[in-house]
Amino acid sequence: MQQHLLIAGFAVAALCCSLEAQNNPNNSQQQDDDGVTDQLQRERFWEANVGGGQFMVALNHITSVSRHRYILDGNLLVDEVTVDTNGQALARFYYITPVTDEMRGSGIGGAASRMVDRGKQLVDRGGQITGTQIHEMVQKKFPHTTHAKCIEYRVMSSDILGQLYGSVRTAWRSGRGRVFSIQ
C-alpha cells in the first residue's frame, strides 16, 4: 500500500512540475521567423550563440548593458549592443548598414545604394564559392581592433540585435540565465 502511495505521490509531483513549466512563459523556448531562440536556463549565465561564435558570461560579472547607434568612418551606420563585464574584455554585438541606406530616395543616395548592393552581391558570391559566410564575419584592422580587448560579433538585422539586447537585459535584471541563439 505504501509503495502505491509513494508511486502516486511521484506521479503527482511530476505532473505538477510539468504543468508549471508549461504555464510559466519564462521557461519556454521562443523561436521567431529569423531563426532566433531565447531560452531560460537555470544557471546564472547569459550565453549568446551567433554566426561569428559563442559568448558566455556569469550574470553577476556583468557591469553594464547598452545599445546605441553611431556612424563609423563617415560611411557606416553601426547599431551596437555592448556587454561590459568585470573581466578584461568587452563584448560587442552589432549590425552594420551603409549610411547610403538612410539616404535612399535621393539621386546620390540611390546611385550609392546600387553600388553598395552590387558589392554585397560580390561578397555573397565569394562566400558561396569558399563556403564561408563572409558577410556575417567581424571586420578588424590590425593592430587597432585585434588587440583592443573587445570581443565582437556581427548580426544580420537590427531586429535580431534588439532581441539580443532584450535577452541579456532580461537575464541581468532578473538574475536568471538565458541562452540566445541565432540558427
N, C-alpha and C. Protein backbone atom coordinates (compact mmCIF):
# COMPACT_ATOMS: atom_id res chain seq x y z
N MET A 1 0.82 -1.19 0.00
CA MET A 1 0.00 0.00 0.00
C MET A 1 0.87 1.26 0.00
N GLN A 2 1.91 1.28 0.86
CA GLN A 2 2.79 2.44 0.91
C GLN A 2 3.52 2.64 -0.42
N GLN A 3 3.85 1.53 -1.08
CA GLN A 3 4.55 1.63 -2.36
C GLN A 3 3.65 2.30 -3.40
N HIS A 4 2.34 1.96 -3.40
CA HIS A 4 1.40 2.57 -4.35
C HIS A 4 1.24 4.06 -4.05
N LEU A 5 1.20 4.43 -2.75
CA LEU A 5 1.07 5.84 -2.39
C LEU A 5 2.32 6.62 -2.80
N LEU A 6 3.48 6.00 -2.62
CA LEU A 6 4.74 6.63 -2.99
C LEU A 6 4.80 6.86 -4.50
N ILE A 7 4.41 5.86 -5.27
CA ILE A 7 4.39 5.99 -6.74
C ILE A 7 3.39 7.06 -7.16
N ALA A 8 2.22 7.08 -6.54
CA ALA A 8 1.20 8.09 -6.86
C ALA A 8 1.71 9.48 -6.51
N GLY A 9 2.43 9.60 -5.39
CA GLY A 9 2.99 10.89 -4.99
C GLY A 9 3.99 11.40 -5.99
N PHE A 10 4.88 10.51 -6.49
CA PHE A 10 5.85 10.90 -7.50
C PHE A 10 5.16 11.32 -8.80
N ALA A 11 4.10 10.61 -9.17
CA ALA A 11 3.37 10.93 -10.40
C ALA A 11 2.73 12.31 -10.30
N VAL A 12 2.13 12.61 -9.14
CA VAL A 12 1.50 13.93 -8.94
C VAL A 12 2.56 15.03 -8.97
N ALA A 13 3.70 14.80 -8.32
CA ALA A 13 4.77 15.79 -8.31
C ALA A 13 5.29 16.04 -9.72
N ALA A 14 5.48 14.98 -10.49
CA ALA A 14 5.97 15.12 -11.87
C ALA A 14 4.97 15.88 -12.72
N LEU A 15 3.67 15.59 -12.54
CA LEU A 15 2.63 16.28 -13.29
C LEU A 15 2.60 17.76 -12.93
N CYS A 16 2.72 18.08 -11.65
CA CYS A 16 2.71 19.48 -11.22
C CYS A 16 3.90 20.24 -11.82
N CYS A 17 5.10 19.62 -11.77
CA CYS A 17 6.28 20.27 -12.34
C CYS A 17 6.12 20.48 -13.83
N SER A 18 5.54 19.50 -14.52
CA SER A 18 5.33 19.61 -15.95
C SER A 18 4.35 20.74 -16.27
N LEU A 19 3.26 20.83 -15.52
CA LEU A 19 2.27 21.89 -15.74
C LEU A 19 2.85 23.26 -15.43
N GLU A 20 3.66 23.35 -14.37
CA GLU A 20 4.28 24.63 -14.02
C GLU A 20 5.22 25.09 -15.13
N ALA A 21 6.00 24.18 -15.68
CA ALA A 21 6.93 24.52 -16.76
C ALA A 21 6.17 24.98 -18.00
N GLN A 22 5.02 24.33 -18.30
CA GLN A 22 4.25 24.70 -19.48
C GLN A 22 3.58 26.05 -19.29
N ASN A 23 3.13 26.35 -18.07
CA ASN A 23 2.39 27.58 -17.81
C ASN A 23 3.30 28.77 -17.52
N ASN A 24 4.57 28.55 -17.27
CA ASN A 24 5.49 29.63 -16.98
C ASN A 24 6.14 30.11 -18.28
N PRO A 25 5.80 31.34 -18.74
CA PRO A 25 6.35 31.80 -20.01
C PRO A 25 7.86 31.98 -19.98
N ASN A 26 8.45 32.16 -18.79
CA ASN A 26 9.89 32.32 -18.71
C ASN A 26 10.64 31.03 -18.99
N ASN A 27 9.97 29.88 -18.85
CA ASN A 27 10.63 28.61 -19.09
C ASN A 27 10.56 28.18 -20.55
N SER A 28 9.76 28.87 -21.34
CA SER A 28 9.56 28.42 -22.71
C SER A 28 10.71 28.88 -23.60
N GLN A 29 10.91 28.11 -24.63
CA GLN A 29 11.89 28.49 -25.63
C GLN A 29 11.12 29.21 -26.71
N GLN A 30 11.55 30.43 -27.02
CA GLN A 30 10.89 31.23 -28.03
C GLN A 30 11.73 31.20 -29.30
N GLN A 31 11.09 30.90 -30.43
CA GLN A 31 11.81 30.95 -31.70
C GLN A 31 10.98 31.78 -32.66
N ASP A 32 11.64 32.66 -33.38
CA ASP A 32 10.91 33.51 -34.32
C ASP A 32 11.27 33.16 -35.76
N ASP A 33 10.77 33.96 -36.70
CA ASP A 33 10.97 33.70 -38.13
C ASP A 33 12.42 33.86 -38.56
N ASP A 34 13.21 34.62 -37.79
CA ASP A 34 14.62 34.82 -38.14
C ASP A 34 15.50 33.67 -37.67
N GLY A 35 14.92 32.63 -37.06
CA GLY A 35 15.71 31.52 -36.54
C GLY A 35 16.37 31.85 -35.21
N VAL A 36 15.81 32.81 -34.48
CA VAL A 36 16.36 33.22 -33.20
C VAL A 36 15.63 32.49 -32.08
N THR A 37 16.38 31.94 -31.13
CA THR A 37 15.78 31.36 -29.94
C THR A 37 16.35 32.06 -28.72
N ASP A 38 15.51 32.20 -27.71
CA ASP A 38 15.92 32.81 -26.44
C ASP A 38 15.29 31.97 -25.35
N GLN A 39 16.11 31.20 -24.66
CA GLN A 39 15.61 30.20 -23.72
C GLN A 39 16.13 30.47 -22.32
N LEU A 40 15.24 30.36 -21.34
CA LEU A 40 15.60 30.50 -19.94
C LEU A 40 16.44 29.30 -19.51
N GLN A 41 17.48 29.55 -18.73
CA GLN A 41 18.33 28.49 -18.19
C GLN A 41 18.40 28.63 -16.68
N ARG A 42 18.59 27.53 -15.98
CA ARG A 42 18.71 27.57 -14.53
C ARG A 42 20.03 28.19 -14.08
N GLU A 43 21.07 28.00 -14.85
CA GLU A 43 22.37 28.53 -14.48
C GLU A 43 22.32 30.05 -14.48
N ARG A 44 23.24 30.65 -13.78
CA ARG A 44 23.29 32.10 -13.65
C ARG A 44 24.25 32.70 -14.68
N PHE A 45 24.07 32.26 -15.94
CA PHE A 45 24.90 32.73 -17.03
C PHE A 45 24.02 33.22 -18.17
N TRP A 46 24.54 34.18 -18.93
CA TRP A 46 23.91 34.55 -20.19
C TRP A 46 24.86 34.08 -21.28
N GLU A 47 24.29 33.41 -22.27
CA GLU A 47 25.07 32.85 -23.36
C GLU A 47 24.48 33.31 -24.69
N ALA A 48 25.35 33.68 -25.61
CA ALA A 48 24.92 34.06 -26.96
C ALA A 48 25.65 33.18 -27.96
N ASN A 49 24.89 32.57 -28.85
CA ASN A 49 25.43 31.77 -29.95
C ASN A 49 25.04 32.48 -31.24
N VAL A 50 26.01 33.14 -31.85
CA VAL A 50 25.74 33.92 -33.06
C VAL A 50 26.63 33.41 -34.18
N GLY A 51 26.43 33.92 -35.39
CA GLY A 51 27.17 33.43 -36.55
C GLY A 51 28.68 33.46 -36.40
N GLY A 52 29.21 34.43 -35.66
CA GLY A 52 30.65 34.56 -35.52
C GLY A 52 31.24 33.82 -34.34
N GLY A 53 30.44 33.16 -33.53
CA GLY A 53 30.97 32.41 -32.38
C GLY A 53 30.02 32.39 -31.20
N GLN A 54 30.57 32.10 -30.04
CA GLN A 54 29.78 32.00 -28.81
C GLN A 54 30.38 32.92 -27.75
N PHE A 55 29.50 33.46 -26.89
CA PHE A 55 29.92 34.30 -25.78
C PHE A 55 29.12 33.86 -24.56
N MET A 56 29.80 33.74 -23.41
CA MET A 56 29.13 33.34 -22.18
C MET A 56 29.71 34.16 -21.03
N VAL A 57 28.83 34.67 -20.17
CA VAL A 57 29.27 35.47 -19.03
C VAL A 57 28.38 35.16 -17.83
N ALA A 58 28.98 35.13 -16.64
CA ALA A 58 28.21 34.99 -15.41
C ALA A 58 27.43 36.28 -15.19
N LEU A 59 26.17 36.17 -14.83
CA LEU A 59 25.32 37.36 -14.68
C LEU A 59 25.87 38.32 -13.63
N ASN A 60 26.47 37.79 -12.57
CA ASN A 60 26.99 38.67 -11.52
C ASN A 60 28.31 39.34 -11.92
N HIS A 61 28.81 39.06 -13.13
CA HIS A 61 30.01 39.72 -13.63
C HIS A 61 29.68 40.78 -14.69
N ILE A 62 28.42 40.91 -15.04
CA ILE A 62 28.00 41.97 -15.97
C ILE A 62 27.93 43.28 -15.18
N THR A 63 28.58 44.33 -15.71
CA THR A 63 28.55 45.63 -15.03
C THR A 63 27.67 46.64 -15.76
N SER A 64 27.44 46.45 -17.05
CA SER A 64 26.53 47.33 -17.78
C SER A 64 26.13 46.68 -19.09
N VAL A 65 24.97 47.09 -19.58
CA VAL A 65 24.44 46.64 -20.86
C VAL A 65 23.92 47.89 -21.56
N SER A 66 24.30 48.06 -22.83
CA SER A 66 23.84 49.25 -23.53
C SER A 66 23.55 48.93 -24.99
N ARG A 67 22.75 49.80 -25.60
CA ARG A 67 22.51 49.73 -27.04
C ARG A 67 22.57 51.16 -27.56
N HIS A 68 23.32 51.36 -28.63
CA HIS A 68 23.45 52.69 -29.20
C HIS A 68 23.78 52.60 -30.69
N ARG A 69 23.63 53.74 -31.38
CA ARG A 69 23.94 53.82 -32.80
C ARG A 69 24.96 54.91 -33.01
N TYR A 70 25.84 54.70 -33.99
CA TYR A 70 26.83 55.72 -34.34
C TYR A 70 27.27 55.53 -35.79
N ILE A 71 27.92 56.56 -36.33
CA ILE A 71 28.45 56.49 -37.69
C ILE A 71 29.95 56.23 -37.58
N LEU A 72 30.42 55.24 -38.32
CA LEU A 72 31.82 54.83 -38.30
C LEU A 72 32.49 55.27 -39.60
N ASP A 73 33.58 55.98 -39.49
CA ASP A 73 34.38 56.42 -40.63
C ASP A 73 33.56 57.15 -41.69
N GLY A 74 32.47 57.78 -41.30
CA GLY A 74 31.69 58.59 -42.21
C GLY A 74 30.84 57.84 -43.22
N ASN A 75 30.89 56.49 -43.23
CA ASN A 75 30.11 55.79 -44.25
C ASN A 75 29.37 54.56 -43.75
N LEU A 76 29.51 54.19 -42.49
CA LEU A 76 28.79 53.03 -41.97
C LEU A 76 27.98 53.43 -40.75
N LEU A 77 26.73 53.00 -40.73
CA LEU A 77 25.86 53.22 -39.58
C LEU A 77 25.91 51.95 -38.73
N VAL A 78 26.34 52.07 -37.49
CA VAL A 78 26.50 50.93 -36.60
C VAL A 78 25.44 50.99 -35.51
N ASP A 79 24.71 49.91 -35.36
CA ASP A 79 23.75 49.71 -34.26
C ASP A 79 24.39 48.66 -33.38
N GLU A 80 24.71 49.00 -32.12
CA GLU A 80 25.56 48.15 -31.30
C GLU A 80 25.00 47.90 -29.91
N VAL A 81 25.13 46.65 -29.46
CA VAL A 81 24.84 46.27 -28.07
C VAL A 81 26.18 45.94 -27.43
N THR A 82 26.43 46.53 -26.28
CA THR A 82 27.68 46.32 -25.56
C THR A 82 27.38 45.68 -24.21
N VAL A 83 28.11 44.62 -23.89
CA VAL A 83 28.00 43.96 -22.59
C VAL A 83 29.36 44.11 -21.91
N ASP A 84 29.39 44.94 -20.87
CA ASP A 84 30.63 45.18 -20.13
C ASP A 84 30.66 44.25 -18.92
N THR A 85 31.85 43.73 -18.62
CA THR A 85 31.99 42.77 -17.52
C THR A 85 33.13 43.17 -16.60
N ASN A 86 33.22 42.45 -15.48
CA ASN A 86 34.33 42.64 -14.55
C ASN A 86 35.65 42.17 -15.13
N GLY A 87 35.60 41.38 -16.15
CA GLY A 87 36.82 40.83 -16.75
C GLY A 87 37.56 41.86 -17.57
N GLN A 88 38.49 41.40 -18.39
CA GLN A 88 39.30 42.31 -19.18
C GLN A 88 38.79 42.49 -20.61
N ALA A 89 37.65 41.94 -20.92
CA ALA A 89 37.14 42.05 -22.28
C ALA A 89 35.74 42.66 -22.29
N LEU A 90 35.44 43.31 -23.38
CA LEU A 90 34.15 43.94 -23.60
C LEU A 90 33.50 43.25 -24.80
N ALA A 91 32.27 42.79 -24.64
CA ALA A 91 31.58 42.11 -25.75
C ALA A 91 30.72 43.12 -26.51
N ARG A 92 30.89 43.11 -27.83
CA ARG A 92 30.10 43.99 -28.69
C ARG A 92 29.41 43.16 -29.74
N PHE A 93 28.12 43.39 -29.88
CA PHE A 93 27.29 42.75 -30.90
C PHE A 93 26.75 43.88 -31.75
N TYR A 94 26.92 43.79 -33.07
CA TYR A 94 26.48 44.92 -33.87
C TYR A 94 25.90 44.51 -35.22
N TYR A 95 25.10 45.46 -35.75
CA TYR A 95 24.53 45.37 -37.08
C TYR A 95 25.02 46.60 -37.83
N ILE A 96 25.57 46.39 -39.02
CA ILE A 96 26.14 47.49 -39.81
C ILE A 96 25.35 47.66 -41.10
N THR A 97 25.06 48.91 -41.42
CA THR A 97 24.47 49.24 -42.72
C THR A 97 25.21 50.45 -43.28
N PRO A 98 25.31 50.54 -44.59
CA PRO A 98 25.92 51.74 -45.18
C PRO A 98 25.05 52.97 -44.89
N VAL A 99 25.67 54.10 -44.69
CA VAL A 99 24.93 55.34 -44.46
C VAL A 99 24.01 55.60 -45.65
N THR A 100 24.40 55.14 -46.83
CA THR A 100 23.58 55.36 -48.03
C THR A 100 22.20 54.73 -47.90
N ASP A 101 22.07 53.67 -47.07
CA ASP A 101 20.75 53.07 -46.87
C ASP A 101 19.79 54.07 -46.23
N GLU A 102 20.31 55.00 -45.44
CA GLU A 102 19.48 56.02 -44.81
C GLU A 102 19.10 57.11 -45.81
N MET A 103 19.83 57.19 -46.93
CA MET A 103 19.58 58.25 -47.92
C MET A 103 18.82 57.75 -49.14
N ARG A 104 18.31 56.53 -49.13
CA ARG A 104 17.59 56.01 -50.30
C ARG A 104 16.47 56.98 -50.66
N GLY A 105 16.26 57.17 -51.92
CA GLY A 105 15.23 58.09 -52.37
C GLY A 105 15.84 59.34 -53.00
N SER A 106 17.02 59.74 -52.55
CA SER A 106 17.69 60.86 -53.21
C SER A 106 18.50 60.31 -54.38
N GLY A 107 18.82 61.13 -55.35
CA GLY A 107 19.56 60.68 -56.53
C GLY A 107 20.93 60.13 -56.17
N ILE A 108 21.67 60.87 -55.35
CA ILE A 108 23.01 60.42 -54.95
C ILE A 108 22.91 59.17 -54.08
N GLY A 109 21.96 59.18 -53.15
CA GLY A 109 21.78 58.02 -52.27
C GLY A 109 21.40 56.78 -53.05
N GLY A 110 20.56 56.94 -54.08
CA GLY A 110 20.15 55.79 -54.90
C GLY A 110 21.31 55.19 -55.67
N ALA A 111 22.15 56.05 -56.26
CA ALA A 111 23.31 55.57 -57.00
C ALA A 111 24.30 54.88 -56.06
N ALA A 112 24.54 55.49 -54.92
CA ALA A 112 25.46 54.89 -53.95
C ALA A 112 24.91 53.56 -53.44
N SER A 113 23.61 53.49 -53.22
CA SER A 113 22.99 52.25 -52.73
C SER A 113 23.13 51.13 -53.75
N ARG A 114 23.00 51.46 -55.04
CA ARG A 114 23.16 50.44 -56.08
C ARG A 114 24.59 49.90 -56.09
N MET A 115 25.58 50.78 -55.89
CA MET A 115 26.97 50.32 -55.85
C MET A 115 27.21 49.43 -54.61
N VAL A 116 26.64 49.82 -53.48
CA VAL A 116 26.79 49.02 -52.26
C VAL A 116 26.12 47.67 -52.43
N ASP A 117 24.92 47.67 -53.02
CA ASP A 117 24.20 46.40 -53.26
C ASP A 117 25.02 45.48 -54.17
N ARG A 118 25.65 46.05 -55.19
CA ARG A 118 26.49 45.23 -56.09
C ARG A 118 27.68 44.65 -55.32
N GLY A 119 28.27 45.45 -54.45
CA GLY A 119 29.37 44.96 -53.62
C GLY A 119 28.93 43.83 -52.71
N LYS A 120 27.73 43.95 -52.15
CA LYS A 120 27.19 42.88 -51.29
C LYS A 120 27.00 41.59 -52.09
N GLN A 121 26.52 41.73 -53.33
CA GLN A 121 26.33 40.55 -54.17
C GLN A 121 27.66 39.85 -54.44
N LEU A 122 28.70 40.62 -54.69
CA LEU A 122 30.02 40.04 -54.95
C LEU A 122 30.57 39.33 -53.71
N VAL A 123 30.39 39.93 -52.54
CA VAL A 123 30.84 39.31 -51.29
C VAL A 123 30.07 38.01 -51.06
N ASP A 124 28.76 38.05 -51.26
CA ASP A 124 27.95 36.84 -51.07
C ASP A 124 28.38 35.73 -52.03
N ARG A 125 28.66 36.10 -53.28
CA ARG A 125 29.10 35.10 -54.26
C ARG A 125 30.44 34.50 -53.84
N GLY A 126 31.35 35.33 -53.38
CA GLY A 126 32.64 34.84 -52.89
C GLY A 126 32.47 33.89 -51.71
N GLY A 127 31.53 34.19 -50.82
CA GLY A 127 31.25 33.32 -49.68
C GLY A 127 30.70 31.98 -50.12
N GLN A 128 29.87 31.98 -51.15
CA GLN A 128 29.33 30.72 -51.66
C GLN A 128 30.43 29.85 -52.25
N ILE A 129 31.37 30.48 -52.92
CA ILE A 129 32.47 29.74 -53.54
C ILE A 129 33.39 29.15 -52.47
N THR A 130 33.70 29.93 -51.45
CA THR A 130 34.65 29.48 -50.42
C THR A 130 33.98 28.69 -49.30
N GLY A 131 32.66 28.73 -49.22
CA GLY A 131 31.95 28.00 -48.16
C GLY A 131 31.94 28.73 -46.82
N THR A 132 32.22 30.02 -46.82
CA THR A 132 32.17 30.80 -45.59
C THR A 132 31.12 31.89 -45.73
N GLN A 133 30.61 32.33 -44.60
CA GLN A 133 29.62 33.41 -44.57
C GLN A 133 30.36 34.71 -44.29
N ILE A 134 31.03 35.23 -45.28
CA ILE A 134 31.88 36.41 -45.11
C ILE A 134 31.09 37.60 -44.60
N HIS A 135 29.87 37.78 -45.08
CA HIS A 135 29.07 38.93 -44.67
C HIS A 135 28.69 38.88 -43.19
N GLU A 136 28.78 37.73 -42.53
CA GLU A 136 28.48 37.62 -41.11
C GLU A 136 29.72 37.82 -40.24
N MET A 137 30.88 37.91 -40.84
CA MET A 137 32.12 37.99 -40.07
C MET A 137 32.42 39.43 -39.66
N VAL A 138 33.05 39.56 -38.50
CA VAL A 138 33.50 40.85 -38.00
C VAL A 138 34.70 41.30 -38.82
N GLN A 139 34.78 42.59 -39.08
CA GLN A 139 35.93 43.14 -39.81
C GLN A 139 36.82 43.86 -38.82
N LYS A 140 38.08 43.52 -38.79
CA LYS A 140 39.03 44.14 -37.87
C LYS A 140 40.22 44.68 -38.63
N LYS A 141 40.90 45.64 -38.02
CA LYS A 141 42.09 46.23 -38.61
C LYS A 141 43.24 46.04 -37.63
N PHE A 142 44.26 45.31 -38.07
CA PHE A 142 45.41 45.01 -37.21
C PHE A 142 46.27 46.26 -37.07
N PRO A 143 46.79 46.60 -35.93
CA PRO A 143 46.59 46.03 -34.60
C PRO A 143 45.52 46.76 -33.80
N HIS A 144 44.88 47.74 -34.41
CA HIS A 144 43.97 48.62 -33.68
C HIS A 144 42.80 47.90 -33.03
N THR A 145 42.16 47.00 -33.74
CA THR A 145 40.99 46.33 -33.17
C THR A 145 41.27 44.91 -32.74
N THR A 146 42.32 44.30 -33.23
CA THR A 146 42.57 42.91 -32.87
C THR A 146 43.11 42.76 -31.45
N HIS A 147 43.68 43.82 -30.89
CA HIS A 147 44.24 43.75 -29.54
C HIS A 147 43.59 44.75 -28.59
N ALA A 148 42.38 45.14 -28.85
CA ALA A 148 41.71 46.17 -28.07
C ALA A 148 40.87 45.60 -26.92
N LYS A 149 41.04 44.32 -26.60
CA LYS A 149 40.29 43.65 -25.54
C LYS A 149 38.79 43.71 -25.78
N CYS A 150 38.40 43.68 -27.05
CA CYS A 150 36.99 43.65 -27.44
C CYS A 150 36.70 42.31 -28.10
N ILE A 151 35.59 41.73 -27.71
CA ILE A 151 35.10 40.52 -28.37
C ILE A 151 33.93 41.01 -29.21
N GLU A 152 34.00 40.82 -30.52
CA GLU A 152 33.00 41.39 -31.41
C GLU A 152 32.25 40.31 -32.18
N TYR A 153 30.96 40.56 -32.34
CA TYR A 153 30.09 39.65 -33.09
C TYR A 153 29.20 40.50 -33.98
N ARG A 154 28.93 39.99 -35.17
CA ARG A 154 28.07 40.71 -36.11
C ARG A 154 26.77 39.94 -36.28
N VAL A 155 25.65 40.66 -36.24
CA VAL A 155 24.35 40.07 -36.51
C VAL A 155 23.82 40.70 -37.79
N MET A 156 22.84 40.05 -38.39
CA MET A 156 22.44 40.44 -39.73
C MET A 156 21.17 41.30 -39.82
N SER A 157 20.63 41.72 -38.67
CA SER A 157 19.49 42.65 -38.73
C SER A 157 19.37 43.42 -37.42
N SER A 158 18.79 44.59 -37.52
CA SER A 158 18.55 45.41 -36.34
C SER A 158 17.53 44.74 -35.41
N ASP A 159 16.57 44.01 -35.99
CA ASP A 159 15.58 43.31 -35.18
C ASP A 159 16.23 42.23 -34.32
N ILE A 160 17.14 41.47 -34.91
CA ILE A 160 17.84 40.43 -34.15
C ILE A 160 18.67 41.07 -33.05
N LEU A 161 19.32 42.19 -33.34
CA LEU A 161 20.11 42.89 -32.33
C LEU A 161 19.20 43.34 -31.18
N GLY A 162 18.01 43.80 -31.50
CA GLY A 162 17.05 44.19 -30.45
C GLY A 162 16.65 43.02 -29.58
N GLN A 163 16.46 41.85 -30.19
CA GLN A 163 16.13 40.66 -29.42
C GLN A 163 17.29 40.24 -28.52
N LEU A 164 18.51 40.35 -29.03
CA LEU A 164 19.69 40.02 -28.24
C LEU A 164 19.78 40.96 -27.03
N TYR A 165 19.58 42.25 -27.26
CA TYR A 165 19.61 43.23 -26.17
C TYR A 165 18.54 42.91 -25.13
N GLY A 166 17.35 42.57 -25.59
CA GLY A 166 16.28 42.20 -24.66
C GLY A 166 16.63 40.97 -23.84
N SER A 167 17.30 40.01 -24.46
CA SER A 167 17.69 38.78 -23.77
C SER A 167 18.70 39.05 -22.66
N VAL A 168 19.78 39.74 -22.99
CA VAL A 168 20.82 39.99 -21.98
C VAL A 168 20.30 40.91 -20.88
N ARG A 169 19.51 41.90 -21.25
CA ARG A 169 18.96 42.83 -20.25
C ARG A 169 18.01 42.11 -19.30
N THR A 170 17.14 41.25 -19.85
CA THR A 170 16.22 40.48 -19.02
C THR A 170 16.97 39.54 -18.08
N ALA A 171 17.98 38.85 -18.61
CA ALA A 171 18.77 37.92 -17.78
C ALA A 171 19.47 38.68 -16.65
N TRP A 172 20.08 39.79 -16.96
CA TRP A 172 20.83 40.56 -15.97
C TRP A 172 19.92 41.13 -14.89
N ARG A 173 18.79 41.69 -15.30
CA ARG A 173 17.86 42.29 -14.33
C ARG A 173 17.19 41.24 -13.45
N SER A 174 16.86 40.09 -14.03
CA SER A 174 16.14 39.06 -13.27
C SER A 174 17.08 38.14 -12.50
N GLY A 175 18.36 38.10 -12.89
CA GLY A 175 19.30 37.17 -12.25
C GLY A 175 19.10 35.73 -12.69
N ARG A 176 18.35 35.53 -13.77
CA ARG A 176 18.08 34.18 -14.28
C ARG A 176 18.73 34.04 -15.65
N GLY A 177 19.51 33.00 -15.81
CA GLY A 177 20.26 32.77 -17.03
C GLY A 177 19.41 32.59 -18.26
N ARG A 178 20.01 32.89 -19.40
CA ARG A 178 19.34 32.71 -20.69
C ARG A 178 20.36 32.28 -21.72
N VAL A 179 19.88 31.60 -22.75
CA VAL A 179 20.71 31.25 -23.91
C VAL A 179 20.03 31.84 -25.14
N PHE A 180 20.73 32.74 -25.80
CA PHE A 180 20.24 33.39 -27.01
C PHE A 180 20.98 32.79 -28.19
N SER A 181 20.25 32.27 -29.17
CA SER A 181 20.90 31.60 -30.31
C SER A 181 20.29 32.07 -31.62
N ILE A 182 21.16 32.25 -32.60
CA ILE A 182 20.74 32.54 -33.96
C ILE A 182 21.06 31.31 -34.79
N GLN A 183 20.07 30.73 -35.42
CA GLN A 183 20.27 29.49 -36.21
C GLN A 183 20.87 29.80 -37.55
